[in-house]
Amino acid sequence: MARTDALGTVHEVELPMGRIRYRERGEGPPVVFVHGLLVNADLWRAVVPGVADAGFRCIAPDWPLGSHEVAVPHADLSPPGLAALIAAFLDRLDLSDVTIVANDTGGALTQILMAKHPERLGRVVLTPSDSFERFFPPVFASMPTVAGIPGSMWLLAQLLRVRALHRLPVAFGWVAKRPVPPEIADSYLEPSRRSKAVRDDLRRFLRGVHRRHTLAAAKAFPMFAKPVLLAWTTEDRLFPLELAYRLAGLLPQATVVTIDDSYTFVPEDQPELLTKLVIDFARTHAAT
C-alpha cells in the first residue's frame, strides 16, 4: 500500500481512546488536518507541503474512519466520541491556537469539536462537509443502516476492489471531479480490506452517524467567535453551496469563499488554491 512522503515524518501518540498515527511536516504555528470517511491523511498530500513551506507546522493524522492502519477497538467512535478524540489529540500534543482544516465527514466532526471542545482552536477552515440535516447526504443516507447488517463492511471492502466502481456516486464519483490516482485509492481502501479490526471501527462509526449531532452543533455556533473560512465549491453534488451560507449565518466571524472546478474533495481537485487559502487565512488571523 503506497503512502506519500509529502506529509513528512511518521509519529504515533497514545490517547485514552487508543493509538493515533500521524504525519508531521514543517515548523511554526500548528495546522491540523481532519479528513473524512474512507480516506486518510493522504488526502492532504498536495496541500501540506506548501503550507509547511510557508512557515507552519502541519500535522495530518489518520483518524479512525475506515482508512486507518491502527485500529482503536475500545474507542467511542460516535461522532461526539470522535470529536472528543480529536480534542484529546490536541491536548496530548499540547497544541494551542490551532488552525483546523477539515473536509467532508471530517467537517462534521470539526463542527462538533467547535461546539464542545473549542479551547485549543484558533481558527477553522471548512471545505464542503456534512452539515445540518446532511449527515450523511442523501446518496449515503443508508450507510448507518447497512452497517448494521452482518458482513456488510467486508462486502463493501471487496466491492471497492473493482476500480471501475470508483467513479460511481457511492464511491469517489461525486466527491472527486477527477479520478483519484490508483495508488492513492489503494491507500484509502486497502486498510479495510486487510483488517477486520479496521472494518469493525468503520462499522461502529457508521452506526452512530445521525443528523442530530450536526444539528446540535449548529445551535452552539453563535457562541464560536473565532474566525472560520468556508471554502466551498460551486459544483458540489453532496453539499450544496447554500450550506456554507447557512453556516456563515450562524458563525459570528465566518467568511465564504467559493471554489470552481471542484467537487467535495477540494484537496484532490484544487490543492493549489486550497493551499493558498489556508496560508492567507492563517496569516490574516494569526494570534497577536
Protein backbone atom coordinates (compact mmCIF):
# COMPACT_ATOMS: atom_id res chain seq x y z
CA MET A 1 0.00 0.00 0.00
CA ALA A 2 1.56 3.26 -1.14
CA ARG A 3 1.73 6.16 1.31
CA THR A 4 3.09 9.50 0.23
CA ASP A 5 6.22 11.01 1.80
CA ALA A 6 4.91 14.53 1.15
CA LEU A 7 3.25 14.64 4.58
CA GLY A 8 6.54 14.38 6.47
CA THR A 9 7.69 12.07 9.22
CA VAL A 10 5.52 9.39 10.83
CA HIS A 11 4.68 9.56 14.52
CA GLU A 12 2.28 7.82 16.87
CA VAL A 13 0.64 9.05 20.04
CA GLU A 14 -1.20 7.13 22.75
CA LEU A 15 -4.53 8.63 23.78
CA PRO A 16 -7.00 7.31 26.34
CA MET A 17 -9.10 6.17 23.36
CA GLY A 18 -6.27 4.37 21.55
CA ARG A 19 -3.23 4.96 19.39
CA ILE A 20 -3.29 7.51 16.57
CA ARG A 21 -0.73 7.59 13.75
CA TYR A 22 0.03 10.95 12.22
CA ARG A 23 2.47 12.67 9.90
CA GLU A 24 4.18 15.95 10.58
CA ARG A 25 5.99 18.44 8.38
CA GLY A 26 7.27 21.96 8.95
CA GLU A 27 7.74 24.29 11.91
CA GLY A 28 5.67 27.18 13.18
CA PRO A 29 2.06 27.70 14.23
CA PRO A 30 0.17 24.38 14.16
CA VAL A 31 -2.23 23.40 11.38
CA VAL A 32 -4.13 20.15 12.00
CA PHE A 33 -5.96 18.40 9.15
CA VAL A 34 -9.18 16.41 9.57
CA HIS A 35 -10.16 14.12 6.69
CA GLY A 36 -13.44 12.32 6.21
CA LEU A 37 -14.84 8.84 5.75
CA LEU A 38 -12.83 6.14 3.94
CA VAL A 39 -9.83 8.36 3.28
CA ASN A 40 -6.73 9.09 5.35
CA ALA A 41 -4.02 11.73 5.64
CA ASP A 42 -3.00 11.17 2.01
CA LEU A 43 -5.97 13.39 1.13
CA TRP A 44 -3.75 16.34 2.09
CA ARG A 45 -0.61 15.24 0.21
CA ALA A 46 -0.72 18.18 -2.24
CA VAL A 47 -1.67 20.78 0.41
CA VAL A 48 0.67 20.07 3.33
CA PRO A 49 3.99 20.77 1.52
CA GLY A 50 3.00 24.29 0.50
CA VAL A 51 1.51 25.15 3.90
CA ALA A 52 4.60 23.78 5.68
CA ASP A 53 6.96 25.68 3.39
CA ALA A 54 5.04 28.87 4.24
CA GLY A 55 6.08 28.53 7.88
CA PHE A 56 3.52 26.29 9.54
CA ARG A 57 3.73 23.02 11.49
CA CYS A 58 1.43 20.69 9.55
CA ILE A 59 0.01 17.70 11.40
CA ALA A 60 -2.03 15.20 9.37
CA PRO A 61 -3.41 12.26 11.40
CA ASP A 62 -5.10 9.13 10.12
CA TRP A 63 -8.37 9.41 12.00
CA PRO A 64 -10.23 6.10 12.61
CA LEU A 65 -12.73 6.49 9.78
CA GLY A 66 -12.06 3.28 7.85
CA SER A 67 -8.77 4.03 6.08
CA HIS A 68 -6.56 3.96 9.17
CA GLU A 69 -3.96 1.27 9.79
CA VAL A 70 -4.02 1.26 13.61
CA ALA A 71 -7.35 0.08 14.96
CA VAL A 72 -8.88 1.61 18.11
CA PRO A 73 -11.20 -1.18 19.29
CA HIS A 74 -12.01 0.40 22.65
CA ALA A 75 -12.67 3.96 21.45
CA ASP A 76 -16.04 5.66 21.40
CA LEU A 77 -16.42 6.21 17.64
CA SER A 78 -19.73 8.01 17.72
CA PRO A 79 -19.41 11.47 16.15
CA PRO A 80 -19.19 13.17 19.58
CA GLY A 81 -16.73 10.49 20.66
CA LEU A 82 -14.52 11.18 17.66
CA ALA A 83 -14.69 14.93 18.29
CA ALA A 84 -13.52 14.20 21.83
CA LEU A 85 -10.70 12.07 20.37
CA ILE A 86 -9.57 14.99 18.20
CA ALA A 87 -9.66 17.25 21.27
CA ALA A 88 -7.60 14.69 23.22
CA PHE A 89 -5.08 14.59 20.35
CA LEU A 90 -4.66 18.38 20.51
CA ASP A 91 -4.26 18.16 24.29
CA ARG A 92 -1.73 15.33 24.14
CA LEU A 93 0.45 17.24 21.68
CA ASP A 94 -0.10 20.42 23.73
CA LEU A 95 -1.20 22.37 20.67
CA SER A 96 -2.78 25.78 21.13
CA ASP A 97 -4.20 28.43 18.79
CA VAL A 98 -4.60 25.64 16.24
CA THR A 99 -5.79 26.11 12.67
CA ILE A 100 -8.08 23.20 11.82
CA VAL A 101 -8.57 22.33 8.14
CA ALA A 102 -11.41 19.88 7.55
CA ASN A 103 -13.20 18.16 4.69
CA ASP A 104 -16.30 16.00 4.18
CA THR A 105 -17.15 13.88 7.26
CA GLY A 106 -14.19 15.49 8.99
CA GLY A 107 -16.01 18.79 8.70
CA ALA A 108 -18.94 17.40 10.66
CA LEU A 109 -16.58 16.17 13.38
CA THR A 110 -14.90 19.57 13.40
CA GLN A 111 -18.25 21.31 13.83
CA ILE A 112 -18.89 19.14 16.91
CA LEU A 113 -15.35 19.98 18.08
CA MET A 114 -16.12 23.70 17.66
CA ALA A 115 -19.29 23.33 19.70
CA LYS A 116 -17.99 21.09 22.50
CA HIS A 117 -14.19 21.45 22.66
CA PRO A 118 -13.22 24.89 21.30
CA GLU A 119 -10.47 25.66 23.82
CA ARG A 120 -7.40 24.93 21.68
CA LEU A 121 -8.85 26.16 18.39
CA GLY A 122 -7.66 29.44 16.94
CA ARG A 123 -9.40 29.36 13.57
CA VAL A 124 -11.13 26.84 11.30
CA VAL A 125 -11.19 26.16 7.56
CA LEU A 126 -14.20 24.11 6.50
CA THR A 127 -14.29 22.80 2.96
CA PRO A 128 -17.50 21.05 1.77
CA SER A 129 -18.70 19.00 4.71
CA ASP A 130 -21.63 17.21 6.26
CA SER A 131 -23.71 19.93 7.93
CA PHE A 132 -27.14 20.42 9.47
CA GLU A 133 -29.55 17.79 8.07
CA ARG A 134 -26.95 16.39 5.65
CA PHE A 135 -25.12 13.98 7.91
CA PHE A 136 -24.96 11.93 5.72
CA PRO A 137 -26.14 13.43 2.40
CA PRO A 138 -28.94 11.52 0.63
CA VAL A 139 -26.75 9.30 -1.57
CA PHE A 140 -25.03 7.92 1.57
CA ALA A 141 -28.01 8.13 3.93
CA SER A 142 -28.48 4.35 4.07
CA MET A 143 -24.93 3.62 5.25
CA PRO A 144 -25.71 3.63 9.00
CA THR A 145 -28.45 1.04 8.39
CA VAL A 146 -26.29 -1.03 6.03
CA ALA A 147 -23.50 -1.04 8.62
CA GLY A 148 -25.81 -2.94 10.96
CA ILE A 149 -26.02 -5.90 8.56
CA PRO A 150 -23.52 -8.64 9.48
CA GLY A 151 -20.71 -8.86 6.93
CA SER A 152 -21.65 -5.64 5.15
CA MET A 153 -18.31 -3.91 5.79
CA TRP A 154 -16.40 -6.88 4.39
CA LEU A 155 -18.60 -6.89 1.29
CA LEU A 156 -18.14 -3.14 0.82
CA ALA A 157 -14.38 -3.51 1.06
CA GLN A 158 -14.39 -6.30 -1.53
CA LEU A 159 -16.65 -4.42 -3.96
CA LEU A 160 -14.33 -1.43 -3.88
CA ARG A 161 -11.51 -3.60 -5.19
CA VAL A 162 -13.12 -3.05 -8.62
CA ARG A 163 -11.61 0.18 -9.91
CA ALA A 164 -14.42 0.64 -12.42
CA LEU A 165 -16.76 1.20 -9.47
CA HIS A 166 -14.70 4.08 -8.08
CA ARG A 167 -16.39 6.61 -10.37
CA LEU A 168 -19.86 5.72 -9.11
CA PRO A 169 -21.62 8.23 -6.84
CA VAL A 170 -21.44 5.81 -3.90
CA ALA A 171 -17.63 5.67 -4.22
CA PHE A 172 -15.46 8.60 -5.38
CA GLY A 173 -17.59 9.72 -8.34
CA TRP A 174 -19.38 12.58 -6.59
CA VAL A 175 -16.61 13.60 -4.19
CA ALA A 176 -13.71 13.97 -6.63
CA LYS A 177 -14.24 15.61 -10.01
CA ARG A 178 -11.17 13.87 -11.41
CA PRO A 179 -10.22 10.21 -10.89
CA VAL A 180 -8.33 9.54 -7.69
CA PRO A 181 -4.88 8.13 -8.61
CA PRO A 182 -4.83 4.33 -8.23
CA GLU A 183 -2.07 4.31 -5.63
CA ILE A 184 -3.97 6.84 -3.52
CA ALA A 185 -7.23 4.91 -3.88
CA ASP A 186 -5.32 1.85 -2.62
CA SER A 187 -4.07 3.87 0.34
CA TYR A 188 -7.65 4.80 1.16
CA LEU A 189 -9.24 1.39 0.64
CA GLU A 190 -6.61 -1.22 1.48
CA PRO A 191 -6.81 -0.97 5.31
CA SER A 192 -10.46 -2.04 5.40
CA ARG A 193 -9.72 -4.91 3.00
CA ARG A 194 -6.91 -6.26 5.14
CA SER A 195 -8.11 -5.73 8.69
CA LYS A 196 -11.27 -6.90 10.40
CA ALA A 197 -10.44 -4.59 13.30
CA VAL A 198 -10.44 -1.59 10.96
CA ARG A 199 -13.75 -2.73 9.47
CA ASP A 200 -15.16 -3.01 12.99
CA ASP A 201 -14.05 0.57 13.69
CA LEU A 202 -15.70 1.71 10.47
CA ARG A 203 -18.93 -0.10 11.33
CA ARG A 204 -19.05 1.45 14.80
CA PHE A 205 -18.62 4.92 13.40
CA LEU A 206 -21.24 4.47 10.70
CA ARG A 207 -23.77 3.11 13.17
CA GLY A 208 -23.50 6.34 15.17
CA VAL A 209 -23.94 8.82 12.34
CA HIS A 210 -27.10 10.89 12.66
CA ARG A 211 -28.08 14.43 11.77
CA ARG A 212 -28.93 15.18 15.39
CA HIS A 213 -25.19 15.60 16.02
CA THR A 214 -24.62 18.29 13.38
CA LEU A 215 -27.91 19.99 14.19
CA ALA A 216 -26.92 20.15 17.87
CA ALA A 217 -23.51 21.56 16.95
CA ALA A 218 -25.14 24.26 14.84
CA LYS A 219 -27.09 25.51 17.86
CA ALA A 220 -23.78 26.36 19.55
CA PHE A 221 -22.25 28.22 16.59
CA PRO A 222 -23.33 31.72 17.68
CA MET A 223 -21.00 31.27 20.67
CA PHE A 224 -18.00 30.29 18.50
CA ALA A 225 -16.42 33.71 17.99
CA LYS A 226 -13.21 32.56 16.30
CA PRO A 227 -12.54 33.08 12.56
CA VAL A 228 -13.97 30.48 10.20
CA LEU A 229 -13.29 30.22 6.47
CA LEU A 230 -15.92 28.32 4.50
CA ALA A 231 -14.03 27.35 1.34
CA TRP A 232 -16.93 25.80 -0.57
CA THR A 233 -17.29 24.59 -4.12
CA THR A 234 -19.85 25.85 -6.59
CA GLU A 235 -20.34 22.42 -8.19
CA ASP A 236 -20.63 20.21 -5.12
CA ARG A 237 -23.16 17.44 -5.63
CA LEU A 238 -23.33 16.36 -1.99
CA PHE A 239 -23.09 19.60 -0.01
CA PRO A 240 -24.71 22.49 -1.90
CA LEU A 241 -23.25 25.97 -1.56
CA GLU A 242 -26.31 27.06 0.40
CA LEU A 243 -24.97 25.04 3.34
CA ALA A 244 -21.93 27.31 3.52
CA TYR A 245 -24.13 30.39 3.68
CA ARG A 246 -26.32 28.78 6.35
CA LEU A 247 -23.21 28.08 8.41
CA ALA A 248 -21.96 31.63 7.85
CA GLY A 249 -25.28 32.96 9.06
CA LEU A 250 -24.72 31.33 12.46
CA LEU A 251 -20.97 31.80 12.93
CA PRO A 252 -20.05 35.32 14.10
CA GLN A 253 -16.72 35.51 12.23
CA ALA A 254 -17.31 33.42 9.12
CA THR A 255 -16.32 34.18 5.54
CA VAL A 256 -17.47 32.25 2.47
CA VAL A 257 -15.06 31.81 -0.44
CA THR A 258 -16.28 29.91 -3.50
CA ILE A 259 -14.15 27.44 -5.44
CA ASP A 260 -14.87 26.46 -9.03
CA ASP A 261 -13.98 23.26 -10.91
CA SER A 262 -14.12 21.00 -7.86
CA TYR A 263 -16.39 18.61 -6.04
CA THR A 264 -16.25 17.81 -2.32
CA PHE A 265 -12.60 16.73 -2.27
CA VAL A 266 -11.08 20.17 -2.73
CA PRO A 267 -7.65 18.82 -1.62
CA GLU A 268 -7.83 16.42 -4.60
CA ASP A 269 -9.38 18.75 -7.20
CA GLN A 270 -7.96 22.18 -6.29
CA PRO A 271 -4.98 21.66 -3.95
CA GLU A 272 -3.02 24.75 -5.03
CA LEU A 273 -5.95 27.06 -4.42
CA LEU A 274 -6.75 25.45 -1.07
CA THR A 275 -3.11 25.77 -0.04
CA LYS A 276 -3.16 29.49 -0.77
CA LEU A 277 -6.47 29.97 1.04
CA VAL A 278 -5.21 28.19 4.16
CA ILE A 279 -1.96 30.17 4.24
CA ASP A 280 -3.63 33.54 3.68
CA PHE A 281 -6.37 32.82 6.23
CA ALA A 282 -3.96 31.60 8.92
CA ARG A 283 -1.69 34.62 8.41
CA THR A 284 -4.54 37.13 8.34
CA HIS A 285 -5.99 35.79 11.59
CA ALA A 286 -2.72 34.98 13.35
CA ALA A 287 -2.68 35.44 17.10
CA THR A 288 -1.19 38.75 18.19
